[in-house]
Protein backbone atom coordinates (compact mmCIF):
# COMPACT_ATOMS: atom_id res chain seq x y z
CA MET A 1 23.31 -64.73 -31.17
CA SER A 2 21.93 -65.66 -27.79
CA ILE A 3 23.73 -64.34 -24.75
CA THR A 4 23.94 -67.93 -23.52
CA THR A 5 25.84 -68.97 -26.65
CA ALA A 6 28.04 -65.89 -26.95
CA PRO A 7 31.79 -66.48 -27.30
CA TRP A 8 32.47 -65.28 -23.73
CA ASN A 9 36.00 -66.61 -23.69
CA ARG A 10 37.25 -63.71 -25.84
CA PRO A 11 36.78 -60.22 -24.41
CA GLN A 12 36.21 -57.49 -26.98
CA THR A 13 37.30 -54.45 -24.96
CA GLU A 14 40.50 -53.45 -23.24
CA ALA A 15 38.48 -52.47 -20.16
CA VAL A 16 37.31 -56.06 -19.70
CA ARG A 17 40.75 -57.48 -20.47
CA ARG A 18 42.19 -55.34 -17.65
CA ALA A 19 39.40 -56.34 -15.28
CA LEU A 20 39.87 -60.02 -16.09
CA ARG A 21 43.51 -59.85 -15.05
CA ALA A 22 42.30 -58.86 -11.57
CA ALA A 23 39.44 -61.39 -11.40
CA HIS A 24 39.97 -64.01 -8.71
CA ASP A 25 37.25 -66.57 -9.44
CA ALA A 26 35.10 -68.05 -12.16
CA THR A 27 32.02 -66.09 -11.07
CA SER A 28 33.83 -62.79 -11.49
CA VAL A 29 35.09 -63.80 -14.92
CA SER A 30 31.59 -64.84 -15.95
CA ASP A 31 30.11 -61.55 -14.71
CA LEU A 32 32.70 -59.45 -16.55
CA LEU A 33 32.21 -61.25 -19.84
CA PHE A 34 28.44 -61.22 -19.40
CA LEU A 35 28.46 -57.45 -18.81
CA GLU A 36 30.53 -56.84 -21.93
CA THR A 37 28.19 -59.00 -24.01
CA TRP A 38 25.17 -57.27 -22.50
CA GLU A 39 26.57 -53.81 -23.28
CA ALA A 40 27.26 -54.88 -26.87
CA GLN A 41 23.94 -56.61 -27.52
CA GLY A 42 21.45 -55.36 -24.92
CA LEU A 43 19.33 -58.48 -24.89
CA PRO A 44 15.80 -57.74 -23.71
CA ASP A 45 14.92 -60.69 -21.46
CA ILE A 46 14.21 -59.79 -17.85
CA ALA A 47 16.75 -62.14 -16.25
CA SER A 48 19.61 -60.74 -18.35
CA THR A 49 18.43 -57.19 -17.72
CA LEU A 50 18.42 -57.73 -13.95
CA ARG A 51 21.83 -59.41 -13.95
CA ALA A 52 23.36 -56.65 -16.08
CA SER A 53 21.81 -54.02 -13.82
CA GLN A 54 23.35 -55.57 -10.71
CA ILE A 55 26.80 -55.88 -12.27
CA ARG A 56 26.65 -52.32 -13.63
CA ARG A 57 25.62 -50.98 -10.24
CA ALA A 58 28.61 -52.73 -8.64
CA ASN A 59 31.01 -51.59 -11.39
CA PRO A 60 29.78 -48.26 -12.81
CA GLU A 61 33.20 -47.13 -14.05
CA LEU A 62 33.84 -50.41 -15.82
CA ALA A 63 30.39 -50.33 -17.44
CA ALA A 64 31.04 -46.79 -18.69
CA GLU A 65 34.46 -47.78 -20.08
CA ILE A 66 32.96 -50.76 -21.90
CA ARG A 67 30.20 -48.62 -23.43
CA ALA A 68 32.71 -45.99 -24.54
CA GLU A 69 34.96 -48.58 -26.18
CA LEU A 70 32.06 -50.28 -27.92
CA ARG A 71 30.75 -46.94 -29.22
CA ALA A 72 34.21 -46.02 -30.52
CA GLY A 73 34.34 -49.20 -32.58
CA PRO A 74 37.20 -51.59 -33.19
CA PRO A 75 40.74 -50.24 -33.45
CA ASP A 76 42.17 -49.83 -36.94
CA VAL A 77 45.40 -51.54 -38.00
CA ASN A 78 47.42 -48.81 -36.25
CA GLY A 79 45.64 -49.40 -32.91
CA ARG A 80 43.41 -46.30 -33.08
CA SER A 81 39.63 -46.50 -32.67
CA GLN A 82 37.69 -46.00 -35.88
């Protein structure tokens, strides 16, 4: 799946869901969802790499939380990470 066609309207991590509640504009929402998609897929094109790098540099704690959640995998039916 291309990062430009990713289903960005549905965040996959709780870290991004929390951050979205505090987002004040469409650009911030786009950046948050882009970062999550980037962390999950790591697309190799230079433009995406540069954008992800800038967002990660501005939000290092969020980037780390997203990576940790993605590594842990989806929660099981009882809400625990698998």
